[in-house]
């Protein structure tokens, strides 16, 4: 699950913090990097658990409503949502339950938020259309949760506040992690039952090694990389730059120099996108031009053995 997009963002955050906190202990900084990456994976699991918590809330309401109907001799309400097959499969999932056991995490302490979210769902047209539909299949149950997640969980300021109280890391991570939760919903297969595989923390040891190498190269070769910036930009006054811009370019140069298989265009595109999120409004376009100039200078002086003919297509606005 932890891909290179998340890794690059975390390294930008941790490199900036490394220079700001004054301690400059490389080993401690690296431990903090991997801890922050593990918190992103915790969030992925915790958001999956939220769907289970909402389903359990639905069952509580169903039990009350069914008891009332039996007392009054009226038709009992449908349990279609409370016993949604996708949600039940998720609730029984071995990997998710292992996470709950190890991390001791649940939504019990935020029962009021879960109750509020449940009420929003049952008052929505998405829920009503599902309950009114004659279709009764695993696929429709799974599709319901994909729609509910995108509508009520993916962009929810109240949820952001709840998550921020639990971990300072999670608000920065949530936008990316949401995409992995939605990917997981789509991948669920009824035939796998409780053994359905969730996304692993790392797709491979190669990505974990990428994080370690990029972070160490960024810090250990800082003077050399900032020297490259000076060489490629005549009369460039570092004091007039946003400090975050310098950090982002330093990491981008580290990636160019450390990983021969990553095209220059990919590196530039990725860090331009990060600059749009974490630096000034003009930083994206500025960093794009500077990294292009730096890469061309390093190639011309044969310190970077790559080519510059890969197209760069991301929108710089």
C-alpha atoms as a PDB file:
ATOM      1  CA  UNK A   1       0.000   0.000   0.000  1.00  0.00           C
ATOM      2  CA  UNK A   2       2.762   2.414   0.894  1.00  0.00           C
ATOM      3  CA  UNK A   3       3.824   3.495  -2.569  1.00  0.00           C
ATOM      4  CA  UNK A   4       6.440   5.926  -3.795  1.00  0.00           C
ATOM      5  CA  UNK A   5       4.024   8.843  -3.844  1.00  0.00           C
ATOM      6  CA  UNK A   6       3.486   8.502  -0.090  1.00  0.00           C
ATOM      7  CA  UNK A   7       7.195   7.903   0.474  1.00  0.00           C
ATOM      8  CA  UNK A   8       8.211  11.070  -1.389  1.00  0.00           C
ATOM      9  CA  UNK A   9       5.711  13.179   0.565  1.00  0.00           C
ATOM     10  CA  UNK A  10       6.890  11.749   3.885  1.00  0.00           C
ATOM     11  CA  UNK A  11      10.517  12.394   2.992  1.00  0.00           C
ATOM     12  CA  UNK A  12       9.707  16.022   2.139  1.00  0.00           C
ATOM     13  CA  UNK A  13       7.977  16.425   5.516  1.00  0.00           C
ATOM     14  CA  UNK A  14      10.701  14.641   7.490  1.00  0.00           C
ATOM     15  CA  UNK A  15      13.596  16.376   5.711  1.00  0.00           C
ATOM     16  CA  UNK A  16      12.053  19.763   6.422  1.00  0.00           C
ATOM     17  CA  UNK A  17      11.572  18.750  10.077  1.00  0.00           C
ATOM     18  CA  UNK A  18      15.138  17.417  10.229  1.00  0.00           C
ATOM     19  CA  UNK A  19      16.549  20.840   9.437  1.00  0.00           C
ATOM     20  CA  UNK A  20      14.058  22.688  11.607  1.00  0.00           C
ATOM     21  CA  UNK A  21      14.333  20.729  14.862  1.00  0.00           C
ATOM     22  CA  UNK A  22      18.059  21.260  15.308  1.00  0.00           C
ATOM     23  CA  UNK A  23      18.965  17.786  16.606  1.00  0.00           C
ATOM     24  CA  UNK A  24      20.040  16.405  13.207  1.00  0.00           C
ATOM     25  CA  UNK A  25      20.357  12.804  14.359  1.00  0.00           C
ATOM     26  CA  UNK A  26      20.220  10.697  11.194  1.00  0.00           C
ATOM     27  CA  UNK A  27      19.243   7.435  12.881  1.00  0.00           C
ATOM     28  CA  UNK A  28      16.427   9.049  14.847  1.00  0.00           C
ATOM     29  CA  UNK A  29      15.175  10.835  11.744  1.00  0.00           C
ATOM     30  CA  UNK A  30      15.112   7.574   9.789  1.00  0.00           C
ATOM     31  CA  UNK A  31      13.154   5.852  12.559  1.00  0.00           C
ATOM     32  CA  UNK A  32      10.675   8.728  12.488  1.00  0.00           C
ATOM     33  CA  UNK A  33      10.321   8.324   8.710  1.00  0.00           C
ATOM     34  CA  UNK A  34       9.391   4.658   8.970  1.00  0.00           C
ATOM     35  CA  UNK A  35       7.125   5.300  11.940  1.00  0.00           C
ATOM     36  CA  UNK A  36       5.223   7.938   9.951  1.00  0.00           C
ATOM     37  CA  UNK A  37       4.907   5.511   7.027  1.00  0.00           C
ATOM     38  CA  UNK A  38       3.542   2.820   9.356  1.00  0.00           C
ATOM     39  CA  UNK A  39       0.940   5.299  10.616  1.00  0.00           C
ATOM     40  CA  UNK A  40      -0.354   5.662   7.045  1.00  0.00           C
ATOM     41  CA  UNK A  41      -0.927   1.908   6.968  1.00  0.00           C
ATOM     42  CA  UNK A  42      -2.656   2.085  10.347  1.00  0.00           C
ATOM     43  CA  UNK A  43      -5.005   4.701   8.895  1.00  0.00           C
ATOM     44  CA  UNK A  44      -5.815   2.425   5.952  1.00  0.00           C
ATOM     45  CA  UNK A  45      -6.906  -0.324   8.348  1.00  0.00           C
ATOM     46  CA  UNK A  46      -8.721   2.088  10.648  1.00  0.00           C
ATOM     47  CA  UNK A  47     -10.837   3.439   7.788  1.00  0.00           C
ATOM     48  CA  UNK A  48     -11.782  -0.113   6.832  1.00  0.00           C
ATOM     49  CA  UNK A  49     -12.808  -0.668  10.445  1.00  0.00           C
ATOM     50  CA  UNK A  50     -15.019   2.439  10.253  1.00  0.00           C
ATOM     51  CA  UNK A  51     -17.252   0.680   7.724  1.00  0.00           C
ATOM     52  CA  UNK A  52     -17.561  -2.234  10.129  1.00  0.00           C
ATOM     53  CA  UNK A  53     -18.419   0.154  12.993  1.00  0.00           C
ATOM     54  CA  UNK A  54     -21.194   1.761  10.932  1.00  0.00           C
ATOM     55  CA  UNK A  55     -22.586  -1.686  10.097  1.00  0.00           C
ATOM     56  CA  UNK A  56     -22.624  -2.641  13.788  1.00  0.00           C
ATOM     57  CA  UNK A  57     -24.443   0.615  14.517  1.00  0.00           C
ATOM     58  CA  UNK A  58     -27.002  -0.353  11.883  1.00  0.00           C
ATOM     59  CA  UNK A  59     -27.558  -3.698  13.590  1.00  0.00           C
ATOM     60  CA  UNK A  60     -28.228  -1.968  16.915  1.00  0.00           C
ATOM     61  CA  UNK A  61     -30.892   0.194  15.309  1.00  0.00           C
ATOM     62  CA  UNK A  62     -32.350  -2.809  13.494  1.00  0.00           C
ATOM     63  CA  UNK A  63     -32.704  -4.794  16.725  1.00  0.00           C
ATOM     64  CA  UNK A  64     -34.586  -1.931  18.371  1.00  0.00           C
ATOM     65  CA  UNK A  65     -36.845  -1.466  15.352  1.00  0.00           C
ATOM     66  CA  UNK A  66     -37.542  -5.200  15.068  1.00  0.00           C
ATOM     67  CA  UNK A  67     -38.421  -5.470  18.751  1.00  0.00           C
ATOM     68  CA  UNK A  68     -40.815  -2.541  18.403  1.00  0.00           C
ATOM     69  CA  UNK A  69     -42.434  -4.098  15.316  1.00  0.00           C
ATOM     70  CA  UNK A  70     -42.964  -7.411  17.104  1.00  0.00           C
ATOM     71  CA  UNK A  71     -44.561  -5.651  20.063  1.00  0.00           C
ATOM     72  CA  UNK A  72     -46.865  -3.657  17.841  1.00  0.00           C
ATOM     73  CA  UNK A  73     -47.576  -6.464  15.403  1.00  0.00           C
ATOM     74  CA  UNK A  74     -46.328  -4.486  12.437  1.00  0.00           C
ATOM     75  CA  UNK A  75     -44.021  -5.720   9.622  1.00  0.00           C
ATOM     76  CA  UNK A  76     -40.402  -5.970  10.693  1.00  0.00           C
ATOM     77  CA  UNK A  77     -37.936  -3.619   8.951  1.00  0.00           C
ATOM     78  CA  UNK A  78     -35.462  -4.942   6.418  1.00  0.00           C
ATOM     79  CA  UNK A  79     -32.012  -6.026   7.550  1.00  0.00           C
ATOM     80  CA  UNK A  80     -30.549  -5.500   4.072  1.00  0.00           C
ATOM     81  CA  UNK A  81     -28.111  -2.783   5.136  1.00  0.00           C
ATOM     82  CA  UNK A  82     -27.319  -4.153   8.602  1.00  0.00           C
ATOM     83  CA  UNK A  83     -26.385  -7.502   7.052  1.00  0.00           C
ATOM     84  CA  UNK A  84     -24.783  -6.169   3.892  1.00  0.00           C
ATOM     85  CA  UNK A  85     -22.651  -9.052   2.613  1.00  0.00           C
ATOM     86  CA  UNK A  86     -19.598  -6.983   1.767  1.00  0.00           C
ATOM     87  CA  UNK A  87     -19.614  -5.361   5.227  1.00  0.00           C
ATOM     88  CA  UNK A  88     -20.010  -8.724   6.950  1.00  0.00           C
ATOM     89  CA  UNK A  89     -17.103 -10.152   4.959  1.00  0.00           C
ATOM     90  CA  UNK A  90     -15.007  -7.151   5.963  1.00  0.00           C
ATOM     91  CA  UNK A  91     -16.023  -7.596   9.601  1.00  0.00           C
ATOM     92  CA  UNK A  92     -14.805 -11.219   9.532  1.00  0.00           C
ATOM     93  CA  UNK A  93     -11.585 -10.490   7.622  1.00  0.00           C
ATOM     94  CA  UNK A  94      -8.592 -12.211   9.215  1.00  0.00           C
ATOM     95  CA  UNK A  95      -6.060  -9.509   8.338  1.00  0.00           C
ATOM     96  CA  UNK A  96      -8.272  -6.721   9.637  1.00  0.00           C
ATOM     97  CA  UNK A  97      -8.989  -8.557  12.863  1.00  0.00           C
ATOM     98  CA  UNK A  98      -5.272  -9.190  13.357  1.00  0.00           C
ATOM     99  CA  UNK A  99      -4.757  -5.436  13.059  1.00  0.00           C
ATOM    100  CA  UNK A 100      -7.453  -4.786  15.666  1.00  0.00           C
ATOM    101  CA  UNK A 101      -5.913  -7.308  18.024  1.00  0.00           C
ATOM    102  CA  UNK A 102      -2.370  -5.976  17.698  1.00  0.00           C
ATOM    103  CA  UNK A 103      -3.148  -2.251  17.628  1.00  0.00           C
ATOM    104  CA  UNK A 104      -6.066  -2.377  20.093  1.00  0.00           C
ATOM    105  CA  UNK A 105      -7.922   0.068  17.844  1.00  0.00           C
ATOM    106  CA  UNK A 106     -11.678   0.526  17.588  1.00  0.00           C
ATOM    107  CA  UNK A 107     -14.252   3.257  17.044  1.00  0.00           C
ATOM    108  CA  UNK A 108     -15.804   2.703  20.481  1.00  0.00           C
ATOM    109  CA  UNK A 109     -14.425   5.973  21.839  1.00  0.00           C
ATOM    110  CA  UNK A 110     -15.999   7.869  18.945  1.00  0.00           C
ATOM    111  CA  UNK A 111     -19.436   6.265  19.161  1.00  0.00           C
ATOM    112  CA  UNK A 112     -21.157   9.641  18.809  1.00  0.00           C
ATOM    113  CA  UNK A 113     -19.400  10.313  15.510  1.00  0.00           C
ATOM    114  CA  UNK A 114     -20.239   6.813  14.219  1.00  0.00           C
ATOM    115  CA  UNK A 115     -23.880   7.329  15.204  1.00  0.00           C
ATOM    116  CA  UNK A 116     -23.976  10.692  13.398  1.00  0.00           C
ATOM    117  CA  UNK A 117     -22.391   9.211  10.285  1.00  0.00           C
ATOM    118  CA  UNK A 118     -24.891   6.339  10.327  1.00  0.00           C
ATOM    119  CA  UNK A 119     -27.769   8.838  10.470  1.00  0.00           C
ATOM    120  CA  UNK A 120     -26.361  10.775   7.513  1.00  0.00           C
ATOM    121  CA  UNK A 121     -26.147   7.554   5.535  1.00  0.00           C
ATOM    122  CA  UNK A 122     -29.678   6.316   6.244  1.00  0.00           C
ATOM    123  CA  UNK A 123     -31.109   9.714   5.339  1.00  0.00           C
ATOM    124  CA  UNK A 124     -29.335   9.749   1.991  1.00  0.00           C
ATOM    125  CA  UNK A 125     -30.734   8.930  -1.442  1.00  0.00           C
ATOM    126  CA  UNK A 126     -27.908   6.410  -1.920  1.00  0.00           C
ATOM    127  CA  UNK A 127     -29.168   4.391   1.043  1.00  0.00           C
ATOM    128  CA  UNK A 128     -32.820   4.747   0.056  1.00  0.00           C
ATOM    129  CA  UNK A 129     -32.195   3.645  -3.518  1.00  0.00           C
ATOM    130  CA  UNK A 130     -30.306   0.597  -2.224  1.00  0.00           C
ATOM    131  CA  UNK A 131     -33.051  -0.357   0.222  1.00  0.00           C
ATOM    132  CA  UNK A 132     -35.774   0.118  -2.422  1.00  0.00           C
ATOM    133  CA  UNK A 133     -33.946  -1.828  -5.109  1.00  0.00           C
ATOM    134  CA  UNK A 134     -35.057  -5.362  -5.860  1.00  0.00           C
ATOM    135  CA  UNK A 135     -31.482  -6.317  -6.700  1.00  0.00           C
ATOM    136  CA  UNK A 136     -30.048  -8.485  -3.950  1.00  0.00           C
ATOM    137  CA  UNK A 137     -26.466  -9.494  -4.687  1.00  0.00           C
ATOM    138  CA  UNK A 138     -22.970  -9.321  -3.270  1.00  0.00           C
ATOM    139  CA  UNK A 139     -21.978  -7.007  -6.121  1.00  0.00           C
ATOM    140  CA  UNK A 140     -24.714  -4.498  -5.268  1.00  0.00           C
ATOM    141  CA  UNK A 141     -23.764  -4.680  -1.566  1.00  0.00           C
ATOM    142  CA  UNK A 142     -20.138  -3.926  -2.388  1.00  0.00           C
ATOM    143  CA  UNK A 143     -21.072  -1.130  -4.794  1.00  0.00           C
ATOM    144  CA  UNK A 144     -23.196   0.472  -2.084  1.00  0.00           C
ATOM    145  CA  UNK A 145     -20.173   0.769   0.192  1.00  0.00           C
ATOM    146  CA  UNK A 146     -18.039   2.169  -2.597  1.00  0.00           C
ATOM    147  CA  UNK A 147     -20.628   4.932  -3.091  1.00  0.00           C
ATOM    148  CA  UNK A 148     -21.047   5.525   0.639  1.00  0.00           C
ATOM    149  CA  UNK A 149     -17.311   5.765   1.171  1.00  0.00           C
ATOM    150  CA  UNK A 150     -16.854   8.297  -1.613  1.00  0.00           C
ATOM    151  CA  UNK A 151     -19.818  10.368  -0.416  1.00  0.00           C
ATOM    152  CA  UNK A 152     -19.561  10.292   3.381  1.00  0.00           C
ATOM    153  CA  UNK A 153     -16.013   9.245   4.316  1.00  0.00           C
ATOM    154  CA  UNK A 154     -13.626  10.392   1.585  1.00  0.00           C
ATOM    155  CA  UNK A 155     -14.222  14.118   2.082  1.00  0.00           C
ATOM    156  CA  UNK A 156     -15.604  14.628   5.577  1.00  0.00           C
ATOM    157  CA  UNK A 157     -14.309  17.542   7.719  1.00  0.00           C
ATOM    158  CA  UNK A 158     -15.824  16.044  10.879  1.00  0.00           C
ATOM    159  CA  UNK A 159     -13.956  12.820  10.270  1.00  0.00           C
ATOM    160  CA  UNK A 160     -10.761  14.781   9.638  1.00  0.00           C
ATOM    161  CA  UNK A 161     -11.156  16.371  13.080  1.00  0.00           C
ATOM    162  CA  UNK A 162     -11.683  12.987  14.735  1.00  0.00           C
ATOM    163  CA  UNK A 163      -8.598  11.554  13.023  1.00  0.00           C
ATOM    164  CA  UNK A 164      -6.457  14.579  13.908  1.00  0.00           C
ATOM    165  CA  UNK A 165      -7.213  14.013  17.589  1.00  0.00           C
ATOM    166  CA  UNK A 166      -5.900  10.466  17.312  1.00  0.00           C
ATOM    167  CA  UNK A 167      -2.786  11.074  15.227  1.00  0.00           C
ATOM    168  CA  UNK A 168      -1.075  14.196  13.909  1.00  0.00           C
ATOM    169  CA  UNK A 169       0.045  12.186  10.885  1.00  0.00           C
ATOM    170  CA  UNK A 170      -3.357  11.184   9.623  1.00  0.00           C
ATOM    171  CA  UNK A 171      -4.734  14.388   8.102  1.00  0.00           C
ATOM    172  CA  UNK A 172      -1.764  14.597   5.735  1.00  0.00           C
ATOM    173  CA  UNK A 173      -2.179  10.932   4.820  1.00  0.00           C
ATOM    174  CA  UNK A 174      -5.909  10.631   4.376  1.00  0.00           C
ATOM    175  CA  UNK A 175      -6.335  11.841   0.796  1.00  0.00           C
ATOM    176  CA  UNK A 176      -3.915   9.224  -0.524  1.00  0.00           C
ATOM    177  CA  UNK A 177      -5.087   6.476   1.840  1.00  0.00           C
ATOM    178  CA  UNK A 178      -8.686   7.002   0.688  1.00  0.00           C
ATOM    179  CA  UNK A 179      -7.691   5.861  -2.788  1.00  0.00           C
ATOM    180  CA  UNK A 180      -6.326   2.616  -1.359  1.00  0.00           C
ATOM    181  CA  UNK A 181      -9.471   1.955   0.661  1.00  0.00           C
ATOM    182  CA  UNK A 182     -11.579   2.374  -2.481  1.00  0.00           C
ATOM    183  CA  UNK A 183      -9.214   0.080  -4.357  1.00  0.00           C
ATOM    184  CA  UNK A 184      -9.622  -2.501  -1.609  1.00  0.00           C
ATOM    185  CA  UNK A 185     -13.431  -2.339  -1.768  1.00  0.00           C
ATOM    186  CA  UNK A 186     -13.280  -2.967  -5.510  1.00  0.00           C
ATOM    187  CA  UNK A 187     -10.939  -5.949  -5.053  1.00  0.00           C
ATOM    188  CA  UNK A 188     -13.110  -7.794  -2.539  1.00  0.00           C
ATOM    189  CA  UNK A 189     -14.413 -11.136  -3.803  1.00  0.00           C
ATOM    190  CA  UNK A 190     -17.187 -12.996  -2.006  1.00  0.00           C
ATOM    191  CA  UNK A 191     -15.552 -16.365  -2.653  1.00  0.00           C
ATOM    192  CA  UNK A 192     -12.501 -15.388  -0.591  1.00  0.00           C
ATOM    193  CA  UNK A 193     -14.652 -15.048   2.538  1.00  0.00           C
ATOM    194  CA  UNK A 194     -12.627 -14.070   5.636  1.00  0.00           C
ATOM    195  CA  UNK A 195      -9.332 -14.838   3.878  1.00  0.00           C
ATOM    196  CA  UNK A 196      -9.667 -11.933   1.431  1.00  0.00           C
ATOM    197  CA  UNK A 197      -6.259 -10.261   1.295  1.00  0.00           C
ATOM    198  CA  UNK A 198      -6.004  -6.592   2.188  1.00  0.00           C
ATOM    199  CA  UNK A 199      -3.256  -4.469   0.708  1.00  0.00           C
ATOM    200  CA  UNK A 200       0.122  -5.214   2.310  1.00  0.00           C
ATOM    201  CA  UNK A 201       1.981  -2.465   4.152  1.00  0.00           C
ATOM    202  CA  UNK A 202       4.632  -2.421   1.405  1.00  0.00           C
ATOM    203  CA  UNK A 203       4.199  -3.891  -2.058  1.00  0.00           C
ATOM    204  CA  UNK A 204       7.814  -5.059  -1.880  1.00  0.00           C
ATOM    205  CA  UNK A 205      11.036  -4.647   0.047  1.00  0.00           C
ATOM    206  CA  UNK A 206      12.189  -2.563  -2.912  1.00  0.00           C
ATOM    207  CA  UNK A 207       9.841   0.277  -1.931  1.00  0.00           C
ATOM    208  CA  UNK A 208      11.031   0.166   1.682  1.00  0.00           C
ATOM    209  CA  UNK A 209      14.620   0.270   0.423  1.00  0.00           C
ATOM    210  CA  UNK A 210      13.674   3.197  -1.841  1.00  0.00           C
ATOM    211  CA  UNK A 211      12.513   5.175   1.204  1.00  0.00           C
ATOM    212  CA  UNK A 212      15.687   4.486   3.161  1.00  0.00           C
ATOM    213  CA  UNK A 213      18.081   5.232   0.295  1.00  0.00           C
ATOM    214  CA  UNK A 214      16.312   8.421  -0.815  1.00  0.00           C
ATOM    215  CA  UNK A 215      16.138   9.864   2.691  1.00  0.00           C
ATOM    216  CA  UNK A 216      19.778   9.080   3.479  1.00  0.00           C
ATOM    217  CA  UNK A 217      21.028  10.393   0.130  1.00  0.00           C
ATOM    218  CA  UNK A 218      19.070  13.627   0.658  1.00  0.00           C
ATOM    219  CA  UNK A 219      20.605  14.299   4.070  1.00  0.00           C
ATOM    220  CA  UNK A 220      24.128  12.935   3.618  1.00  0.00           C
ATOM    221  CA  UNK A 221      24.738  14.658   0.261  1.00  0.00           C
ATOM    222  CA  UNK A 222      22.988  17.934   1.058  1.00  0.00           C
ATOM    223  CA  UNK A 223      25.997  20.175   0.422  1.00  0.00           C
ATOM    224  CA  UNK A 224      26.787  18.510  -2.888  1.00  0.00           C
ATOM    225  CA  UNK A 225      23.188  18.777  -4.118  1.00  0.00           C
ATOM    226  CA  UNK A 226      22.857  22.403  -3.086  1.00  0.00           C
ATOM    227  CA  UNK A 227      26.101  22.996  -4.942  1.00  0.00           C
ATOM    228  CA  UNK A 228      24.457  21.555  -8.057  1.00  0.00           C
ATOM    229  CA  UNK A 229      21.617  24.032  -7.588  1.00  0.00           C
ATOM    230  CA  UNK A 230      24.080  26.919  -7.483  1.00  0.00           C
ATOM    231  CA  UNK A 231      25.972  25.728 -10.548  1.00  0.00           C
ATOM    232  CA  UNK A 232      22.819  25.454 -12.635  1.00  0.00           C
ATOM    233  CA  UNK A 233      21.362  28.791 -11.591  1.00  0.00           C
ATOM    234  CA  UNK A 234      23.664  31.748 -12.054  1.00  0.00           C
ATOM    235  CA  UNK A 235      23.070  34.651  -9.668  1.00  0.00           C
ATOM    236  CA  UNK A 236      20.485  32.628  -7.753  1.00  0.00           C
ATOM    237  CA  UNK A 237      20.042  33.949  -4.233  1.00  0.00           C
ATOM    238  CA  UNK A 238      19.049  31.083  -1.922  1.00  0.00           C
ATOM    239  CA  UNK A 239      17.939  33.533   0.757  1.00  0.00           C
ATOM    240  CA  UNK A 240      15.073  34.687  -1.463  1.00  0.00           C
ATOM    241  CA  UNK A 241      13.669  31.177  -1.959  1.00  0.00           C
ATOM    242  CA  UNK A 242      11.009  29.532   0.154  1.00  0.00           C
ATOM    243  CA  UNK A 243      12.959  27.091   2.293  1.00  0.00           C
ATOM    244  CA  UNK A 244      10.534  24.310   1.374  1.00  0.00           C
ATOM    245  CA  UNK A 245      11.456  24.842  -2.303  1.00  0.00           C
ATOM    246  CA  UNK A 246      15.113  24.180  -1.511  1.00  0.00           C
ATOM    247  CA  UNK A 247      14.204  21.031   0.424  1.00  0.00           C
ATOM    248  CA  UNK A 248      11.998  19.725  -2.395  1.00  0.00           C
ATOM    249  CA  UNK A 249      14.669  20.318  -5.034  1.00  0.00           C
ATOM    250  CA  UNK A 250      17.332  18.730  -2.837  1.00  0.00           C
ATOM    251  CA  UNK A 251      15.244  15.542  -2.546  1.00  0.00           C
ATOM    252  CA  UNK A 252      14.470  15.553  -6.272  1.00  0.00           C
ATOM    253  CA  UNK A 253      18.194  15.761  -7.076  1.00  0.00           C
ATOM    254  CA  UNK A 254      18.839  12.912  -4.628  1.00  0.00           C
ATOM    255  CA  UNK A 255      16.316  10.784  -6.516  1.00  0.00           C
ATOM    256  CA  UNK A 256      17.829  11.660  -9.886  1.00  0.00           C
ATOM    257  CA  UNK A 257      21.326  10.771  -8.681  1.00  0.00           C
ATOM    258  CA  UNK A 258      20.493   7.663  -6.633  1.00  0.00           C
ATOM    259  CA  UNK A 259      18.015   5.737  -8.786  1.00  0.00           C
ATOM    260  CA  UNK A 260      19.197   5.142 -12.376  1.00  0.00           C
ATOM    261  CA  UNK A 261      15.960   3.412 -13.427  1.00  0.00           C
ATOM    262  CA  UNK A 262      13.670   6.374 -12.609  1.00  0.00           C
ATOM    263  CA  UNK A 263      13.365   8.732 -15.602  1.00  0.00           C
ATOM    264  CA  UNK A 264      14.202  12.373 -14.985  1.00  0.00           C
ATOM    265  CA  UNK A 265      10.726  13.399 -16.147  1.00  0.00           C
ATOM    266  CA  UNK A 266       9.067  11.173 -13.546  1.00  0.00           C
ATOM    267  CA  UNK A 267      11.147  12.677 -10.741  1.00  0.00           C
ATOM    268  CA  UNK A 268      10.456  16.248 -11.856  1.00  0.00           C
ATOM    269  CA  UNK A 269       6.721  15.630 -12.259  1.00  0.00           C
ATOM    270  CA  UNK A 270       6.382  14.020  -8.842  1.00  0.00           C
ATOM    271  CA  UNK A 271       8.166  16.806  -6.976  1.00  0.00           C
ATOM    272  CA  UNK A 272       6.397  19.563  -8.891  1.00  0.00           C
ATOM    273  CA  UNK A 273       3.105  18.060  -7.674  1.00  0.00           C
ATOM    274  CA  UNK A 274       4.405  17.961  -4.104  1.00  0.00           C
ATOM    275  CA  UNK A 275       5.508  21.603  -4.367  1.00  0.00           C
ATOM    276  CA  UNK A 276       1.953  22.608  -5.299  1.00  0.00           C
ATOM    277  CA  UNK A 277       0.729  21.074  -2.051  1.00  0.00           C
ATOM    278  CA  UNK A 278       3.442  22.064   0.386  1.00  0.00           C
ATOM    279  CA  UNK A 279       5.056  25.279  -0.822  1.00  0.00           C
ATOM    280  CA  UNK A 280       4.021  28.645  -2.289  1.00  0.00           C
ATOM    281  CA  UNK A 281       1.489  29.121  -5.138  1.00  0.00           C
ATOM    282  CA  UNK A 282       4.274  29.805  -7.621  1.00  0.00           C
ATOM    283  CA  UNK A 283       6.540  26.999  -6.482  1.00  0.00           C
ATOM    284  CA  UNK A 284       5.276  24.340  -8.889  1.00  0.00           C
ATOM    285  CA  UNK A 285       6.218  26.215 -12.040  1.00  0.00           C
ATOM    286  CA  UNK A 286       9.443  27.557 -10.553  1.00  0.00           C
ATOM    287  CA  UNK A 287      10.652  24.157  -9.336  1.00  0.00           C
ATOM    288  CA  UNK A 288       9.742  22.600 -12.678  1.00  0.00           C
ATOM    289  CA  UNK A 289      12.015  25.031 -14.501  1.00  0.00           C
ATOM    290  CA  UNK A 290      14.836  24.794 -11.980  1.00  0.00           C
ATOM    291  CA  UNK A 291      14.883  20.986 -11.834  1.00  0.00           C
ATOM    292  CA  UNK A 292      14.859  20.842 -15.612  1.00  0.00           C
ATOM    293  CA  UNK A 293      17.849  23.202 -15.741  1.00  0.00           C
ATOM    294  CA  UNK A 294      19.688  21.317 -12.985  1.00  0.00           C
ATOM    295  CA  UNK A 295      19.126  17.942 -14.674  1.00  0.00           C
ATOM    296  CA  UNK A 296      20.334  19.255 -18.032  1.00  0.00           C
ATOM    297  CA  UNK A 297      23.428  20.739 -16.386  1.00  0.00           C
ATOM    298  CA  UNK A 298      24.248  17.477 -14.604  1.00  0.00           C
ATOM    299  CA  UNK A 299      23.780  15.491 -17.808  1.00  0.00           C
ATOM    300  CA  UNK A 300      25.957  17.931 -19.757  1.00  0.00           C
ATOM    301  CA  UNK A 301      28.730  17.648 -17.151  1.00  0.00           C
ATOM    302  CA  UNK A 302      28.321  13.840 -17.153  1.00  0.00           C
ATOM    303  CA  UNK A 303      27.511  13.627 -13.454  1.00  0.00           C
ATOM    304  CA  UNK A 304      24.026  12.331 -14.265  1.00  0.00           C
ATOM    305  CA  UNK A 305      23.909   9.491 -16.775  1.00  0.00           C
ATOM    306  CA  UNK A 306      20.322   9.867 -17.905  1.00  0.00           C
ATOM    307  CA  UNK A 307      18.471  11.386 -20.841  1.00  0.00           C
ATOM    308  CA  UNK A 308      16.084  14.354 -21.015  1.00  0.00           C
ATOM    309  CA  UNK A 309      13.894  13.202 -23.890  1.00  0.00           C
ATOM    310  CA  UNK A 310      11.054  11.768 -21.783  1.00  0.00           C
ATOM    311  CA  UNK A 311       7.887  13.890 -22.094  1.00  0.00           C
ATOM    312  CA  UNK A 312       6.622  15.758 -19.047  1.00  0.00           C
ATOM    313  CA  UNK A 313       2.870  16.143 -19.275  1.00  0.00           C
ATOM    314  CA  UNK A 314       1.521  17.148 -15.857  1.00  0.00           C
ATOM    315  CA  UNK A 315      -0.372  20.414 -15.614  1.00  0.00           C
ATOM    316  CA  UNK A 316       1.792  23.082 -13.996  1.00  0.00           C
ATOM    317  CA  UNK A 317      -1.069  25.439 -13.076  1.00  0.00           C
END
